[in-house]
C-alpha atoms as a PDB file:
ATOM      1  CA  MET A   1      27.666 -79.141  27.208  1.00  0.00           C
ATOM      2  CA  GLU A   2      29.948 -77.444  29.395  1.00  0.00           C
ATOM      3  CA  GLN A   3      32.698 -80.365  28.565  1.00  0.00           C
ATOM      4  CA  ALA A   4      32.418 -79.572  24.943  1.00  0.00           C
ATOM      5  CA  ILE A   5      33.046 -75.376  25.661  1.00  0.00           C
ATOM      6  CA  ASN A   6      36.111 -77.322  28.143  1.00  0.00           C
ATOM      7  CA  PHE A   7      37.299 -79.201  25.668  1.00  0.00           C
ATOM      8  CA  PHE A   8      37.642 -76.349  22.114  1.00  0.00           C
ATOM      9  CA  ARG A   9      38.709 -73.924  25.295  1.00  0.00           C
ATOM     10  CA  ARG A  10      42.250 -76.204  25.824  1.00  0.00           C
ATOM     11  CA  ARG A  11      42.503 -76.404  22.031  1.00  0.00           C
ATOM     12  CA  PRO A  12      42.529 -73.004  20.343  1.00  0.00           C
ATOM     13  CA  ALA A  13      43.420 -73.801  17.532  1.00  0.00           C
ATOM     14  CA  LEU A  14      40.324 -76.318  16.864  1.00  0.00           C
ATOM     15  CA  SER A  15      38.107 -73.944  17.902  1.00  0.00           C
ATOM     16  CA  THR A  16      38.810 -71.476  15.632  1.00  0.00           C
ATOM     17  CA  ALA A  17      39.151 -74.129  12.938  1.00  0.00           C
ATOM     18  CA  ALA A  18      35.348 -75.374  14.076  1.00  0.00           C
ATOM     19  CA  LEU A  19      34.314 -71.305  13.558  1.00  0.00           C
ATOM     20  CA  LEU A  20      35.971 -71.257  10.197  1.00  0.00           C
ATOM     21  CA  ALA A  21      34.530 -73.927   8.847  1.00  0.00           C
ATOM     22  CA  GLY A  22      31.033 -73.197   9.907  1.00  0.00           C
ATOM     23  CA  SER A  23      31.142 -69.541   8.479  1.00  0.00           C
ATOM     24  CA  LEU A  24      32.606 -71.327   5.313  1.00  0.00           C
ATOM     25  CA  VAL A  25      29.612 -73.767   5.131  1.00  0.00           C
ATOM     26  CA  CYS A  26      26.722 -71.454   5.254  1.00  0.00           C
ATOM     27  CA  LEU A  27      29.376 -68.517   3.232  1.00  0.00           C
ATOM     28  CA  VAL A  28      29.521 -71.508   0.410  1.00  0.00           C
ATOM     29  CA  GLY A  29      25.867 -73.002   1.366  1.00  0.00           C
ATOM     30  CA  PHE A  30      23.411 -69.829   1.269  1.00  0.00           C
ATOM     31  CA  PHE A  31      25.607 -67.313  -1.011  1.00  0.00           C
ATOM     32  CA  VAL A  32      27.673 -69.067  -3.243  1.00  0.00           C
ATOM     33  CA  LEU A  33      25.937 -71.936  -4.325  1.00  0.00           C
ATOM     34  CA  PRO A  34      22.940 -69.844  -5.166  1.00  0.00           C
ATOM     35  CA  LEU A  35      24.981 -67.751  -7.054  1.00  0.00           C
ATOM     36  CA  GLY A  36      26.542 -70.403  -8.814  1.00  0.00           C
ATOM     37  CA  TYR A  37      23.264 -71.606  -9.785  1.00  0.00           C
ATOM     38  CA  LEU A  38      21.555 -68.361 -10.788  1.00  0.00           C
ATOM     39  CA  LEU A  39      24.181 -67.826 -13.175  1.00  0.00           C
ATOM     40  CA  GLY A  40      24.084 -70.353 -15.293  1.00  0.00           C
ATOM     41  CA  VAL A  41      20.425 -70.319 -14.937  1.00  0.00           C
ATOM     42  CA  SER A  42      21.124 -66.652 -16.865  1.00  0.00           C
ATOM     43  CA  PHE A  43      22.924 -68.587 -19.482  1.00  0.00           C
ATOM     44  CA  ALA A  44      20.425 -70.937 -19.762  1.00  0.00           C
ATOM     45  CA  ARG A  45      16.489 -70.376 -21.898  1.00  0.00           C
ATOM     46  CA  ARG A  46      12.893 -70.647 -21.100  1.00  0.00           C
ATOM     47  CA  SER A  47      10.971 -73.473 -22.081  1.00  0.00           C
ATOM     48  CA  PRO A  48       7.453 -72.884 -23.571  1.00  0.00           C
ATOM     49  CA  TYR A  49       6.124 -74.113 -20.498  1.00  0.00           C
ATOM     50  CA  GLY A  50       8.216 -71.628 -18.495  1.00  0.00           C
ATOM     51  CA  THR A  51      10.986 -74.024 -16.825  1.00  0.00           C
ATOM     52  CA  VAL A  52      14.560 -73.631 -17.706  1.00  0.00           C
ATOM     53  CA  GLU A  53      16.328 -75.508 -20.737  1.00  0.00           C
ATOM     54  CA  TRP A  54      19.705 -75.808 -20.125  1.00  0.00           C
ATOM     55  CA  ILE A  55      20.721 -74.666 -23.810  1.00  0.00           C
ATOM     56  CA  LEU A  56      23.470 -72.401 -23.237  1.00  0.00           C
ATOM     57  CA  GLY A  57      23.810 -68.954 -25.039  1.00  0.00           C
ATOM     58  CA  LEU A  58      24.378 -65.114 -24.749  1.00  0.00           C
ATOM     59  CA  ALA A  59      20.918 -64.470 -25.659  1.00  0.00           C
ATOM     60  CA  ASN A  60      19.185 -63.298 -22.213  1.00  0.00           C
ATOM     61  CA  TYR A  61      22.459 -60.788 -22.012  1.00  0.00           C
ATOM     62  CA  ALA A  62      21.620 -59.336 -25.262  1.00  0.00           C
ATOM     63  CA  ARG A  63      17.695 -58.948 -24.722  1.00  0.00           C
ATOM     64  CA  ALA A  64      18.383 -57.842 -21.460  1.00  0.00           C
ATOM     65  CA  PHE A  65      20.252 -54.543 -23.709  1.00  0.00           C
ATOM     66  CA  GLN A  66      16.842 -54.012 -25.354  1.00  0.00           C
ATOM     67  CA  PRO A  67      15.707 -50.024 -25.687  1.00  0.00           C
ATOM     68  CA  LEU A  68      12.471 -50.898 -23.350  1.00  0.00           C
ATOM     69  CA  TYR A  69      14.700 -52.486 -20.526  1.00  0.00           C
ATOM     70  CA  LEU A  70      17.757 -49.636 -20.485  1.00  0.00           C
ATOM     71  CA  GLU A  71      14.762 -46.921 -20.305  1.00  0.00           C
ATOM     72  CA  ILE A  72      14.099 -49.068 -16.755  1.00  0.00           C
ATOM     73  CA  TYR A  73      17.578 -49.353 -15.852  1.00  0.00           C
ATOM     74  CA  TRP A  74      17.975 -45.166 -16.563  1.00  0.00           C
ATOM     75  CA  ARG A  75      14.928 -44.585 -14.156  1.00  0.00           C
ATOM     76  CA  SER A  76      16.246 -46.620 -11.634  1.00  0.00           C
ATOM     77  CA  LEU A  77      19.899 -45.466 -11.415  1.00  0.00           C
ATOM     78  CA  TRP A  78      18.660 -41.699 -11.410  1.00  0.00           C
ATOM     79  CA  MET A  79      15.742 -42.412  -8.686  1.00  0.00           C
ATOM     80  CA  ALA A  80      18.415 -43.841  -6.266  1.00  0.00           C
ATOM     81  CA  ALA A  81      21.088 -41.550  -7.148  1.00  0.00           C
ATOM     82  CA  ALA A  82      18.368 -38.354  -6.174  1.00  0.00           C
ATOM     83  CA  THR A  83      17.046 -40.638  -3.069  1.00  0.00           C
ATOM     84  CA  THR A  84      20.896 -41.057  -1.999  1.00  0.00           C
ATOM     85  CA  VAL A  85      21.377 -37.157  -2.629  1.00  0.00           C
ATOM     86  CA  LEU A  86      18.142 -36.313  -0.868  1.00  0.00           C
ATOM     87  CA  CYS A  87      18.946 -38.787   1.964  1.00  0.00           C
ATOM     88  CA  ALA A  88      22.070 -36.726   2.375  1.00  0.00           C
ATOM     89  CA  LEU A  89      21.047 -33.267   2.599  1.00  0.00           C
ATOM     90  CA  LEU A  90      18.394 -34.395   5.326  1.00  0.00           C
ATOM     91  CA  GLY A  91      20.105 -37.054   7.197  1.00  0.00           C
ATOM     92  CA  TYR A  92      23.311 -34.534   7.461  1.00  0.00           C
ATOM     93  CA  PRO A  93      21.642 -31.754   9.037  1.00  0.00           C
ATOM     94  CA  VAL A  94      19.944 -34.272  12.110  1.00  0.00           C
ATOM     95  CA  ALA A  95      23.141 -36.593  12.383  1.00  0.00           C
ATOM     96  CA  TYR A  96      25.158 -32.744  12.583  1.00  0.00           C
ATOM     97  CA  THR A  97      22.216 -31.488  15.484  1.00  0.00           C
ATOM     98  CA  ILE A  98      21.972 -34.632  17.766  1.00  0.00           C
ATOM     99  CA  ALA A  99      25.839 -35.226  17.333  1.00  0.00           C
ATOM    100  CA  ARG A 100      27.292 -32.458  18.068  1.00  0.00           C
ATOM    101  CA  ARG A 101      24.554 -30.137  19.597  1.00  0.00           C
ATOM    102  CA  TRP A 102      22.449 -32.155  21.819  1.00  0.00           C
ATOM    103  CA  PRO A 103      24.075 -33.181  25.183  1.00  0.00           C
ATOM    104  CA  SER A 104      24.920 -36.536  26.039  1.00  0.00           C
ATOM    105  CA  ARG A 105      21.648 -37.684  27.889  1.00  0.00           C
ATOM    106  CA  TRP A 106      19.686 -37.151  24.776  1.00  0.00           C
ATOM    107  CA  LYS A 107      21.599 -38.992  22.491  1.00  0.00           C
ATOM    108  CA  SER A 108      19.987 -42.239  22.363  1.00  0.00           C
ATOM    109  CA  ALA A 109      16.598 -41.196  22.383  1.00  0.00           C
ATOM    110  CA  LEU A 110      16.929 -39.211  19.661  1.00  0.00           C
ATOM    111  CA  LEU A 111      18.605 -41.869  17.793  1.00  0.00           C
ATOM    112  CA  LEU A 112      15.674 -44.266  19.293  1.00  0.00           C
ATOM    113  CA  LEU A 113      13.624 -41.999  17.184  1.00  0.00           C
ATOM    114  CA  ALA A 114      15.448 -41.963  14.379  1.00  0.00           C
ATOM    115  CA  VAL A 115      15.009 -45.752  14.108  1.00  0.00           C
ATOM    116  CA  ILE A 116      11.675 -46.276  15.559  1.00  0.00           C
ATOM    117  CA  PRO A 117      10.727 -46.846  11.616  1.00  0.00           C
ATOM    118  CA  PHE A 118      12.259 -50.026  11.596  1.00  0.00           C
ATOM    119  CA  TRP A 119       9.670 -51.291  14.613  1.00  0.00           C
ATOM    120  CA  THR A 120       7.055 -51.598  11.566  1.00  0.00           C
ATOM    121  CA  SER A 121       7.248 -54.196   8.706  1.00  0.00           C
ATOM    122  CA  PHE A 122       8.290 -51.970   5.416  1.00  0.00           C
ATOM    123  CA  LEU A 123       5.400 -53.461   3.915  1.00  0.00           C
ATOM    124  CA  ILE A 124       2.810 -51.584   6.150  1.00  0.00           C
ATOM    125  CA  ARG A 125       4.672 -48.548   6.401  1.00  0.00           C
ATOM    126  CA  THR A 126       4.290 -48.375   2.015  1.00  0.00           C
ATOM    127  CA  TYR A 127       0.791 -49.283   2.665  1.00  0.00           C
ATOM    128  CA  ALA A 128       0.574 -45.988   4.936  1.00  0.00           C
ATOM    129  CA  TRP A 129       2.101 -44.080   2.503  1.00  0.00           C
ATOM    130  CA  MET A 130      -0.441 -45.214   0.117  1.00  0.00           C
ATOM    131  CA  VAL A 131      -3.525 -43.870   2.530  1.00  0.00           C
ATOM    132  CA  ILE A 132      -1.726 -40.788   2.959  1.00  0.00           C
ATOM    133  CA  LEU A 133      -0.962 -40.175  -0.883  1.00  0.00           C
ATOM    134  CA  ARG A 134      -4.339 -41.290  -2.614  1.00  0.00           C
ATOM    135  CA  THR A 135      -7.148 -39.091  -3.981  1.00  0.00           C
ATOM    136  CA  GLU A 136      -9.011 -39.067  -0.646  1.00  0.00           C
ATOM    137  CA  GLY A 137      -6.088 -39.236   1.858  1.00  0.00           C
ATOM    138  CA  VAL A 138      -4.267 -37.824   4.130  1.00  0.00           C
ATOM    139  CA  ALA A 139      -2.310 -35.023   2.335  1.00  0.00           C
ATOM    140  CA  ASN A 140      -4.686 -34.034  -0.508  1.00  0.00           C
ATOM    141  CA  THR A 141      -7.188 -33.560   2.394  1.00  0.00           C
ATOM    142  CA  LEU A 142      -5.349 -31.262   4.050  1.00  0.00           C
ATOM    143  CA  LEU A 143      -4.445 -29.423   1.249  1.00  0.00           C
ATOM    144  CA  LEU A 144      -8.398 -28.746   0.504  1.00  0.00           C
ATOM    145  CA  ASP A 145      -9.210 -27.992   4.135  1.00  0.00           C
ATOM    146  CA  LEU A 146      -6.494 -24.986   4.065  1.00  0.00           C
ATOM    147  CA  PRO A 147      -7.574 -24.222   1.442  1.00  0.00           C
ATOM    148  CA  LEU A 148      -4.466 -24.425  -1.010  1.00  0.00           C
ATOM    149  CA  ILE A 149      -5.766 -26.663  -3.344  1.00  0.00           C
ATOM    150  CA  HIS A 150      -9.393 -26.545  -5.134  1.00  0.00           C
ATOM    151  CA  GLU A 151      -9.606 -30.438  -6.210  1.00  0.00           C
ATOM    152  CA  PRO A 152      -7.321 -33.319  -5.153  1.00  0.00           C
ATOM    153  CA  LEU A 153      -3.851 -33.700  -7.049  1.00  0.00           C
ATOM    154  CA  ARG A 154      -2.602 -36.991  -8.388  1.00  0.00           C
ATOM    155  CA  LEU A 155       0.049 -37.771  -5.957  1.00  0.00           C
ATOM    156  CA  LEU A 156      -0.343 -41.507  -5.940  1.00  0.00           C
ATOM    157  CA  TYR A 157       1.062 -44.065  -8.608  1.00  0.00           C
ATOM    158  CA  THR A 158       3.755 -41.264  -9.788  1.00  0.00           C
ATOM    159  CA  PRO A 159       7.776 -40.902 -10.054  1.00  0.00           C
ATOM    160  CA  LEU A 160       6.902 -38.323  -7.129  1.00  0.00           C
ATOM    161  CA  ALA A 161       5.426 -41.141  -4.674  1.00  0.00           C
ATOM    162  CA  VAL A 162       7.738 -43.735  -5.279  1.00  0.00           C
ATOM    163  CA  PHE A 163      10.714 -40.721  -4.373  1.00  0.00           C
ATOM    164  CA  ILE A 164       8.457 -39.935  -1.449  1.00  0.00           C
ATOM    165  CA  GLY A 165       8.558 -43.520  -0.579  1.00  0.00           C
ATOM    166  CA  LEU A 166      12.054 -44.358  -1.180  1.00  0.00           C
ATOM    167  CA  VAL A 167      13.432 -41.287   0.553  1.00  0.00           C
ATOM    168  CA  TYR A 168      11.305 -42.404   3.762  1.00  0.00           C
ATOM    169  CA  GLY A 169      12.608 -45.538   3.901  1.00  0.00           C
ATOM    170  CA  GLU A 170      16.401 -45.352   3.250  1.00  0.00           C
ATOM    171  CA  LEU A 171      16.718 -41.881   5.339  1.00  0.00           C
ATOM    172  CA  PRO A 172      17.541 -43.796   8.643  1.00  0.00           C
ATOM    173  CA  PHE A 173      20.304 -45.513   6.832  1.00  0.00           C
ATOM    174  CA  MET A 174      22.063 -42.139   6.247  1.00  0.00           C
ATOM    175  CA  ILE A 175      21.696 -40.725   9.468  1.00  0.00           C
ATOM    176  CA  LEU A 176      23.251 -43.699  11.601  1.00  0.00           C
ATOM    177  CA  PRO A 177      26.770 -44.047   9.382  1.00  0.00           C
ATOM    178  CA  LEU A 178      27.108 -39.849   9.691  1.00  0.00           C
ATOM    179  CA  TYR A 179      25.885 -40.141  12.867  1.00  0.00           C
ATOM    180  CA  VAL A 180      28.745 -42.125  13.968  1.00  0.00           C
ATOM    181  CA  ALA A 181      31.286 -40.027  11.854  1.00  0.00           C
ATOM    182  CA  LEU A 182      30.466 -36.892  13.483  1.00  0.00           C
ATOM    183  CA  GLU A 183      30.480 -38.085  16.915  1.00  0.00           C
ATOM    184  CA  LYS A 184      34.347 -39.334  16.231  1.00  0.00           C
ATOM    185  CA  ILE A 185      35.379 -36.202  15.538  1.00  0.00           C
ATOM    186  CA  ASP A 186      37.969 -34.508  18.445  1.00  0.00           C
ATOM    187  CA  PRO A 187      36.405 -31.299  19.223  1.00  0.00           C
ATOM    188  CA  SER A 188      39.341 -30.004  19.902  1.00  0.00           C
ATOM    189  CA  LEU A 189      40.209 -29.754  16.552  1.00  0.00           C
ATOM    190  CA  LEU A 190      37.289 -27.300  15.700  1.00  0.00           C
ATOM    191  CA  GLU A 191      38.479 -25.500  18.718  1.00  0.00           C
ATOM    192  CA  ALA A 192      42.213 -25.343  16.718  1.00  0.00           C
ATOM    193  CA  ALA A 193      40.177 -24.077  14.057  1.00  0.00           C
ATOM    194  CA  GLU A 194      39.041 -21.228  15.744  1.00  0.00           C
ATOM    195  CA  ASP A 195      41.934 -20.437  17.228  1.00  0.00           C
ATOM    196  CA  LEU A 196      43.525 -19.962  14.220  1.00  0.00           C
ATOM    197  CA  GLY A 197      40.978 -17.658  13.218  1.00  0.00           C
ATOM    198  CA  ALA A 198      38.510 -19.585  11.329  1.00  0.00           C
ATOM    199  CA  SER A 199      34.685 -18.881  11.737  1.00  0.00           C
ATOM    200  CA  GLY A 200      31.905 -21.384  12.513  1.00  0.00           C
ATOM    201  CA  ARG A 201      31.036 -21.838   8.568  1.00  0.00           C
ATOM    202  CA  ARG A 202      34.890 -22.411   7.744  1.00  0.00           C
ATOM    203  CA  ALA A 203      35.581 -24.468  10.129  1.00  0.00           C
ATOM    204  CA  PHE A 204      32.632 -26.723   9.112  1.00  0.00           C
ATOM    205  CA  TRP A 205      33.621 -26.784   5.373  1.00  0.00           C
ATOM    206  CA  LYS A 206      37.447 -27.405   6.303  1.00  0.00           C
ATOM    207  CA  VAL A 207      37.543 -29.891   9.252  1.00  0.00           C
ATOM    208  CA  THR A 208      33.859 -31.223  10.012  1.00  0.00           C
ATOM    209  CA  LEU A 209      32.458 -31.970   7.042  1.00  0.00           C
ATOM    210  CA  PRO A 210      36.340 -33.518   5.301  1.00  0.00           C
ATOM    211  CA  LEU A 211      36.536 -35.638   8.321  1.00  0.00           C
ATOM    212  CA  SER A 212      32.683 -37.132   8.393  1.00  0.00           C
ATOM    213  CA  ARG A 213      32.982 -38.079   4.743  1.00  0.00           C
ATOM    214  CA  PRO A 214      33.916 -41.811   5.613  1.00  0.00           C
ATOM    215  CA  GLY A 215      30.209 -41.975   7.553  1.00  0.00           C
ATOM    216  CA  LEU A 216      28.710 -40.052   4.165  1.00  0.00           C
ATOM    217  CA  VAL A 217      30.396 -42.611   1.691  1.00  0.00           C
ATOM    218  CA  ALA A 218      28.658 -45.729   4.228  1.00  0.00           C
ATOM    219  CA  GLY A 219      25.719 -43.952   4.057  1.00  0.00           C
ATOM    220  CA  THR A 220      26.013 -42.989   0.126  1.00  0.00           C
ATOM    221  CA  ILE A 221      26.077 -46.858  -0.559  1.00  0.00           C
ATOM    222  CA  LEU A 222      23.494 -48.211   2.422  1.00  0.00           C
ATOM    223  CA  VAL A 223      20.980 -46.208   0.367  1.00  0.00           C
ATOM    224  CA  PHE A 224      21.717 -46.334  -3.229  1.00  0.00           C
ATOM    225  CA  ILE A 225      22.679 -50.412  -3.369  1.00  0.00           C
ATOM    226  CA  PRO A 226      18.796 -51.036  -1.428  1.00  0.00           C
ATOM    227  CA  SER A 227      17.105 -48.155  -3.767  1.00  0.00           C
ATOM    228  CA  VAL A 228      18.326 -49.148  -7.039  1.00  0.00           C
ATOM    229  CA  GLY A 229      16.837 -52.897  -6.553  1.00  0.00           C
ATOM    230  CA  ALA A 230      13.797 -51.493  -4.674  1.00  0.00           C
ATOM    231  CA  PHE A 231      10.289 -53.561  -6.050  1.00  0.00           C
ATOM    232  CA  ILE A 232       7.831 -52.882  -2.928  1.00  0.00           C
ATOM    233  CA  THR A 233       8.120 -49.197  -3.118  1.00  0.00           C
ATOM    234  CA  PRO A 234       7.782 -49.107  -7.133  1.00  0.00           C
ATOM    235  CA  ASP A 235       4.937 -51.443  -7.203  1.00  0.00           C
ATOM    236  CA  LEU A 236       2.715 -50.059  -4.934  1.00  0.00           C
ATOM    237  CA  LEU A 237       3.360 -46.258  -4.777  1.00  0.00           C
ATOM    238  CA  GLY A 238       4.263 -46.855  -8.468  1.00  0.00           C
ATOM    239  CA  GLY A 239       1.796 -48.655 -10.179  1.00  0.00           C
ATOM    240  CA  ALA A 240       2.615 -50.072 -13.546  1.00  0.00           C
ATOM    241  CA  ARG A 241       3.737 -46.683 -14.863  1.00  0.00           C
ATOM    242  CA  THR A 242       6.915 -46.428 -12.611  1.00  0.00           C
ATOM    243  CA  MET A 243       8.616 -49.608 -12.979  1.00  0.00           C
ATOM    244  CA  MET A 244      12.265 -50.357 -11.630  1.00  0.00           C
ATOM    245  CA  VAL A 245      14.918 -52.778 -12.316  1.00  0.00           C
ATOM    246  CA  GLY A 246      13.821 -54.707  -8.617  1.00  0.00           C
ATOM    247  CA  ASN A 247      10.059 -54.784 -10.162  1.00  0.00           C
ATOM    248  CA  LEU A 248      11.382 -56.588 -13.435  1.00  0.00           C
ATOM    249  CA  ILE A 249      13.551 -58.999 -11.964  1.00  0.00           C
ATOM    250  CA  GLN A 250      10.224 -59.542  -9.645  1.00  0.00           C
ATOM    251  CA  ASN A 251       8.195 -59.737 -12.526  1.00  0.00           C
ATOM    252  CA  GLN A 252      10.667 -62.167 -14.333  1.00  0.00           C
ATOM    253  CA  PHE A 253      10.489 -64.903 -11.654  1.00  0.00           C
ATOM    254  CA  ALA A 254       6.953 -64.648 -10.247  1.00  0.00           C
ATOM    255  CA  MET A 255       5.125 -63.579 -13.367  1.00  0.00           C
ATOM    256  CA  VAL A 256       6.598 -64.643 -16.131  1.00  0.00           C
ATOM    257  CA  ARG A 257       8.184 -67.448 -15.141  1.00  0.00           C
ATOM    258  CA  ASP A 258      10.992 -66.639 -17.223  1.00  0.00           C
ATOM    259  CA  GLN A 259      13.826 -67.431 -15.087  1.00  0.00           C
ATOM    260  CA  PRO A 260      16.663 -67.480 -17.524  1.00  0.00           C
ATOM    261  CA  PHE A 261      15.961 -63.672 -18.358  1.00  0.00           C
ATOM    262  CA  GLY A 262      15.718 -62.884 -14.752  1.00  0.00           C
ATOM    263  CA  SER A 263      18.711 -64.149 -13.732  1.00  0.00           C
ATOM    264  CA  ALA A 264      20.694 -62.038 -16.323  1.00  0.00           C
ATOM    265  CA  VAL A 265      19.173 -58.998 -15.251  1.00  0.00           C
ATOM    266  CA  ALA A 266      19.786 -59.376 -11.612  1.00  0.00           C
ATOM    267  CA  PHE A 267      23.361 -60.284 -12.653  1.00  0.00           C
ATOM    268  CA  LEU A 268      23.657 -57.173 -14.860  1.00  0.00           C
ATOM    269  CA  LEU A 269      22.275 -54.831 -11.964  1.00  0.00           C
ATOM    270  CA  THR A 270      24.600 -56.858  -9.585  1.00  0.00           C
ATOM    271  CA  PHE A 271      28.097 -55.667 -11.693  1.00  0.00           C
ATOM    272  CA  VAL A 272      26.875 -52.401 -12.061  1.00  0.00           C
ATOM    273  CA  VAL A 273      26.395 -52.005  -8.213  1.00  0.00           C
ATOM    274  CA  LEU A 274      29.818 -53.394  -7.690  1.00  0.00           C
ATOM    275  CA  ALA A 275      31.009 -51.069 -10.177  1.00  0.00           C
ATOM    276  CA  LEU A 276      29.848 -48.005  -8.515  1.00  0.00           C
ATOM    277  CA  LEU A 277      30.984 -49.381  -5.513  1.00  0.00           C
ATOM    278  CA  ALA A 278      34.116 -49.789  -6.020  1.00  0.00           C
ATOM    279  CA  LEU A 279      34.130 -46.209  -8.170  1.00  0.00           C
ATOM    280  CA  THR A 280      33.459 -44.924  -4.632  1.00  0.00           C
ATOM    281  CA  LEU A 281      35.592 -46.575  -2.073  1.00  0.00           C
ATOM    282  CA  ARG A 282      38.304 -45.509  -4.958  1.00  0.00           C
ATOM    283  CA  THR A 283      37.238 -41.652  -4.500  1.00  0.00           C
ATOM    284  CA  ALA A 284      36.927 -41.780  -0.662  1.00  0.00           C
ATOM    285  CA  GLN A 285      40.342 -43.337  -0.913  1.00  0.00           C
ATOM    286  CA  ARG A 286      41.540 -41.018  -2.455  1.00  0.00           C
ATOM    287  CA  ALA A 287      39.845 -38.104  -0.497  1.00  0.00           C
ATOM    288  CA  ALA A 288      40.868 -39.853   2.853  1.00  0.00           C
ATOM    289  CA  ARG A 289      44.969 -39.647   1.591  1.00  0.00           C
ATOM    290  CA  GLU A 290      44.537 -36.367   0.641  1.00  0.00           C
ATOM    291  CA  ILE A 291      43.251 -35.331   4.328  1.00  0.00           C
ATOM    292  CA  LEU A 292      45.966 -37.144   5.552  1.00  0.00           C
END
């Protein structure tokens, strides 16, 4: 082993080529080839026995634009957008307080509290929300004991339950990039703004918020993309009444055994996400040029 390491140290070009070749093998084998196969399957059709018949056509993509499925796409997009907005509204004050208000010795501990949910399986955390939101759960029991209500509320298997689960699951992905962006802001810039007569609120809107925009853009991407394709949270907290596009794709592969249609929907979702991502990055670059 040591001889192999010394061999590559004496020949850095070979070492770089070896690393590049390994990366390409992983990229092609685990990403490009599976996506290429699914792209081909999306143009095929399902046989009566649930297998793939390689009779190519655009029937799956035409079917994907039926009104029933358009409603599911719309529900997924607006719930993902609402989740992203609420995560930003909740995550920005948290990230700002940790980055700008607390002493350095406490920052690591506070960030640890933000990522502690990742120590537990997301599935288990979703089941915990089922216990909290069910008719005999913690939320209804507390509201009845206060007493703020006279009969249990229907919280589970509603869009509200899905929304709560999505915000809870994605909030750390908004806090962390915002914290990094806020931490990098030079305090002297805020001091200069105050010396020029800006109030604390005006300095925030004119200096802090524009400079933290890269973190906000990164958090938006990290929250929106998993939210629009989520299937565990809508399945467990929303039931059949709150189906999202992730559930539609999962059902086509696992239950209906219609791989061609599921692949077509998956690629349509990919195209929409990539288009929104490109639009977001272009907007962020334009805003960065205006700041500079």
